[in-house]
PDB file of N, CA and C in Angstrom:
ATOM      1  N   GLY A   1     110.660  97.502 110.566  1.00  0.00           N
ATOM      2  CA  GLY A   1     110.020  98.229 111.725  1.00  0.00           C
ATOM      3  C   GLY A   1     108.489  97.885 111.720  1.00  0.00           C
ATOM      4  N   VAL A   2     107.590  99.019 111.526  1.00  0.00           N
ATOM      5  CA  VAL A   2     106.291  98.955 111.912  1.00  0.00           C
ATOM      6  C   VAL A   2     105.556  97.953 110.672  1.00  0.00           C
ATOM      7  N   LEU A   3     105.911  98.062 109.398  1.00  0.00           N
ATOM      8  CA  LEU A   3     105.382  97.419 108.454  1.00  0.00           C
ATOM      9  C   LEU A   3     105.806  95.876 108.486  1.00  0.00           C
ATOM     10  N   LEU A   4     107.026  95.577 108.977  1.00  0.00           N
ATOM     11  CA  LEU A   4     107.343  94.155 109.226  1.00  0.00           C
ATOM     12  C   LEU A   4     106.518  93.621 110.282  1.00  0.00           C
ATOM     13  N   ARG A   5     106.339  94.206 111.276  1.00  0.00           N
ATOM     14  CA  ARG A   5     105.376  93.796 112.431  1.00  0.00           C
ATOM     15  C   ARG A   5     104.118  93.466 111.975  1.00  0.00           C
ATOM     16  N   LYS A   6     103.541  94.365 111.434  1.00  0.00           N
ATOM     17  CA  LYS A   6     101.997  94.319 110.770  1.00  0.00           C
ATOM     18  C   LYS A   6     102.111  93.033 109.819  1.00  0.00           C
ATOM     19  N   PHE A   7     102.981  92.765 108.968  1.00  0.00           N
ATOM     20  CA  PHE A   7     103.096  91.696 108.136  1.00  0.00           C
ATOM     21  C   PHE A   7     103.155  90.527 108.849  1.00  0.00           C
ATOM     22  N   GLU A   8     103.954  90.448 110.089  1.00  0.00           N
ATOM     23  CA  GLU A   8     103.969  89.175 110.804  1.00  0.00           C
ATOM     24  C   GLU A   8     102.658  88.921 111.528  1.00  0.00           C
ATOM     25  N   ARG A   9     101.935  89.822 111.991  1.00  0.00           N
ATOM     26  CA  ARG A   9     100.747  89.687 112.672  1.00  0.00           C
ATOM     27  C   ARG A   9      99.508  89.262 111.670  1.00  0.00           C
ATOM     28  N   GLY A  10      99.844  89.404 110.343  1.00  0.00           N
ATOM     29  CA  GLY A  10      98.858  89.226 109.356  1.00  0.00           C
ATOM     30  C   GLY A  10      97.864  90.221 109.188  1.00  0.00           C
ATOM     31  N   ALA A  11      98.267  91.583 109.667  1.00  0.00           N
ATOM     32  CA  ALA A  11      97.371  92.787 109.846  1.00  0.00           C
ATOM     33  C   ALA A  11      97.933  93.691 108.398  1.00  0.00           C
ATOM     34  N   ASN A  12      98.204  92.940 107.567  1.00  0.00           N
ATOM     35  CA  ASN A  12      98.611  93.712 106.190  1.00  0.00           C
ATOM     36  C   ASN A  12      97.505  94.169 105.535  1.00  0.00           C
ATOM     37  N   THR A  13      97.588  95.642 105.389  1.00  0.00           N
ATOM     38  CA  THR A  13      96.471  96.187 104.754  1.00  0.00           C
ATOM     39  C   THR A  13      96.898  97.016 103.377  1.00  0.00           C
ATOM     40  N   ARG A  14      98.194  96.748 103.113  1.00  0.00           N
ATOM     41  CA  ARG A  14      98.657  97.245 101.831  1.00  0.00           C
ATOM     42  C   ARG A  14      98.652  96.169 100.768  1.00  0.00           C
ATOM     43  N   SER A  15      98.675  96.649  99.454  1.00  0.00           N
ATOM     44  CA  SER A  15      98.662  95.723  98.309  1.00  0.00           C
ATOM     45  C   SER A  15     100.159  95.503  97.874  1.00  0.00           C
ATOM     46  N   HIS A  16     100.390  94.389  97.089  1.00  0.00           N
ATOM     47  CA  HIS A  16     101.695  94.039  96.703  1.00  0.00           C
ATOM     48  C   HIS A  16     102.350  95.198  95.935  1.00  0.00           C
ATOM     49  N   THR A  17     101.361  95.924  95.176  1.00  0.00           N
ATOM     50  CA  THR A  17     102.023  96.991  94.321  1.00  0.00           C
ATOM     51  C   THR A  17     102.698  98.286  95.276  1.00  0.00           C
ATOM     52  N   PHE A  18     101.894  98.449  96.295  1.00  0.00           N
ATOM     53  CA  PHE A  18     102.623  99.330  97.413  1.00  0.00           C
ATOM     54  C   PHE A  18     103.935  99.011  97.769  1.00  0.00           C
ATOM     55  N   TYR A  19     104.034  97.710  98.054  1.00  0.00           N
ATOM     56  CA  TYR A  19     105.438  97.278  98.517  1.00  0.00           C
ATOM     57  C   TYR A  19     106.438  97.131  97.392  1.00  0.00           C
ATOM     58  N   ARG A  20     105.904  96.954  96.140  1.00  0.00           N
ATOM     59  CA  ARG A  20     106.999  97.052  94.993  1.00  0.00           C
ATOM     60  C   ARG A  20     107.449  98.591  94.805  1.00  0.00           C
ATOM     61  N   TRP A  21     106.547  99.430  94.855  1.00  0.00           N
ATOM     62  CA  TRP A  21     107.036 100.862  94.777  1.00  0.00           C
ATOM     63  C   TRP A  21     107.818 101.279  96.014  1.00  0.00           C
ATOM     64  N   PHE A  22     107.383 100.896  97.193  1.00  0.00           N
ATOM     65  CA  PHE A  22     108.091 101.326  98.340  1.00  0.00           C
ATOM     66  C   PHE A  22     109.406 100.741  98.319  1.00  0.00           C
ATOM     67  N   ASN A  23     109.738  99.544  97.609  1.00  0.00           N
ATOM     68  CA  ASN A  23     111.019  98.988  97.657  1.00  0.00           C
ATOM     69  C   ASN A  23     112.038  99.554  96.607  1.00  0.00           C
ATOM     70  N   GLU A  24     111.319 100.189  95.542  1.00  0.00           N
ATOM     71  CA  GLU A  24     112.021 101.058  94.473  1.00  0.00           C
ATOM     72  C   GLU A  24     112.414 102.356  94.642  1.00  0.00           C
ATOM     73  N   LEU A  25     111.682 103.149  95.725  1.00  0.00           N
ATOM     74  CA  LEU A  25     111.801 104.522  96.026  1.00  0.00           C
ATOM     75  C   LEU A  25     113.306 104.825  96.398  1.00  0.00           C
ATOM     76  N   PRO A  26     114.192 104.124  97.047  1.00  0.00           N
ATOM     77  CA  PRO A  26     115.474 104.553  97.186  1.00  0.00           C
ATOM     78  C   PRO A  26     116.214 104.548  96.068  1.00  0.00           C
ATOM     79  N   VAL A  27     115.923 103.364  95.174  1.00  0.00           N
ATOM     80  CA  VAL A  27     116.642 103.377  93.805  1.00  0.00           C
ATOM     81  C   VAL A  27     116.271 104.766  92.916  1.00  0.00           C
ATOM     82  N   LEU A  28     114.897 105.085  93.051  1.00  0.00           N
ATOM     83  CA  LEU A  28     114.555 106.307  92.097  1.00  0.00           C
ATOM     84  C   LEU A  28     115.042 107.650  92.776  1.00  0.00           C
ATOM     85  N   VAL A  29     115.264 107.721  94.030  1.00  0.00           N
ATOM     86  CA  VAL A  29     115.882 108.911  94.740  1.00  0.00           C
ATOM     87  C   VAL A  29     117.422 108.859  94.348  1.00  0.00           C
ATOM     88  N   LEU A  30     118.204 107.751  94.318  1.00  0.00           N
ATOM     89  CA  LEU A  30     119.403 107.694  93.912  1.00  0.00           C
ATOM     90  C   LEU A  30     119.830 108.106  92.638  1.00  0.00           C
ATOM     91  N   LEU A  31     118.967 107.765  91.610  1.00  0.00           N
ATOM     92  CA  LEU A  31     118.992 107.973  90.260  1.00  0.00           C
ATOM     93  C   LEU A  31     118.839 109.415  90.145  1.00  0.00           C
ATOM     94  N   ALA A  32     117.925 110.121  90.690  1.00  0.00           N
ATOM     95  CA  ALA A  32     117.610 111.396  90.571  1.00  0.00           C
ATOM     96  C   ALA A  32     118.801 112.255  90.997  1.00  0.00           C
ATOM     97  N   VAL A  33     119.436 111.919  92.166  1.00  0.00           N
ATOM     98  CA  VAL A  33     120.587 112.548  92.515  1.00  0.00           C
ATOM     99  C   VAL A  33     121.841 112.448  91.664  1.00  0.00           C
ATOM    100  N   VAL A  34     121.961 111.259  91.116  1.00  0.00           N
ATOM    101  CA  VAL A  34     122.962 111.139  90.169  1.00  0.00           C
ATOM    102  C   VAL A  34     122.714 111.935  89.020  1.00  0.00           C
ATOM    103  N   ILE A  35     121.498 111.979  88.483  1.00  0.00           N
ATOM    104  CA  ILE A  35     121.167 112.929  87.366  1.00  0.00           C
ATOM    105  C   ILE A  35     121.590 114.185  87.673  1.00  0.00           C
ATOM    106  N   LEU A  36     121.200 114.641  88.744  1.00  0.00           N
ATOM    107  CA  LEU A  36     121.436 116.163  89.127  1.00  0.00           C
ATOM    108  C   LEU A  36     122.895 116.431  89.104  1.00  0.00           C
ATOM    109  N   VAL A  37     123.561 115.427  89.711  1.00  0.00           N
ATOM    110  CA  VAL A  37     125.128 115.673  89.695  1.00  0.00           C
ATOM    111  C   VAL A  37     125.724 115.734  88.525  1.00  0.00           C
ATOM    112  N   VAL A  38     125.356 114.888  87.742  1.00  0.00           N
ATOM    113  CA  VAL A  38     126.012 114.885  86.352  1.00  0.00           C
ATOM    114  C   VAL A  38     125.604 116.092  85.439  1.00  0.00           C
ATOM    115  N   VAL A  39     124.202 116.470  85.449  1.00  0.00           N
ATOM    116  CA  VAL A  39     123.805 117.642  84.624  1.00  0.00           C
ATOM    117  C   VAL A  39     124.124 119.060  85.304  1.00  0.00           C
ATOM    118  N   LYS A  40     124.203 118.933  86.620  1.00  0.00           N
ATOM    119  CA  LYS A  40     124.524 120.206  87.440  1.00  0.00           C
ATOM    120  C   LYS A  40     123.661 121.453  87.012  1.00  0.00           C
ATOM    121  N   PRO A  41     122.339 121.321  87.161  1.00  0.00           N
ATOM    122  CA  PRO A  41     121.491 122.394  86.756  1.00  0.00           C
ATOM    123  C   PRO A  41     121.706 123.848  87.614  1.00  0.00           C
ATOM    124  N   PHE A  42     122.338 123.521  88.736  1.00  0.00           N
ATOM    125  CA  PHE A  42     122.500 124.718  89.778  1.00  0.00           C
ATOM    126  C   PHE A  42     123.798 125.689  89.563  1.00  0.00           C
TER     127      PHE A  42
END
């Protein structure tokens, strides 16, 4: 969406580190959910 269009225009203001973490966020959320399901703290 928005980030891709900025990248295409060359108006990219974010570092490569931001995009690496942005790419890993869904994996981290999924890992947290799986851990919570297995441990069942509630």
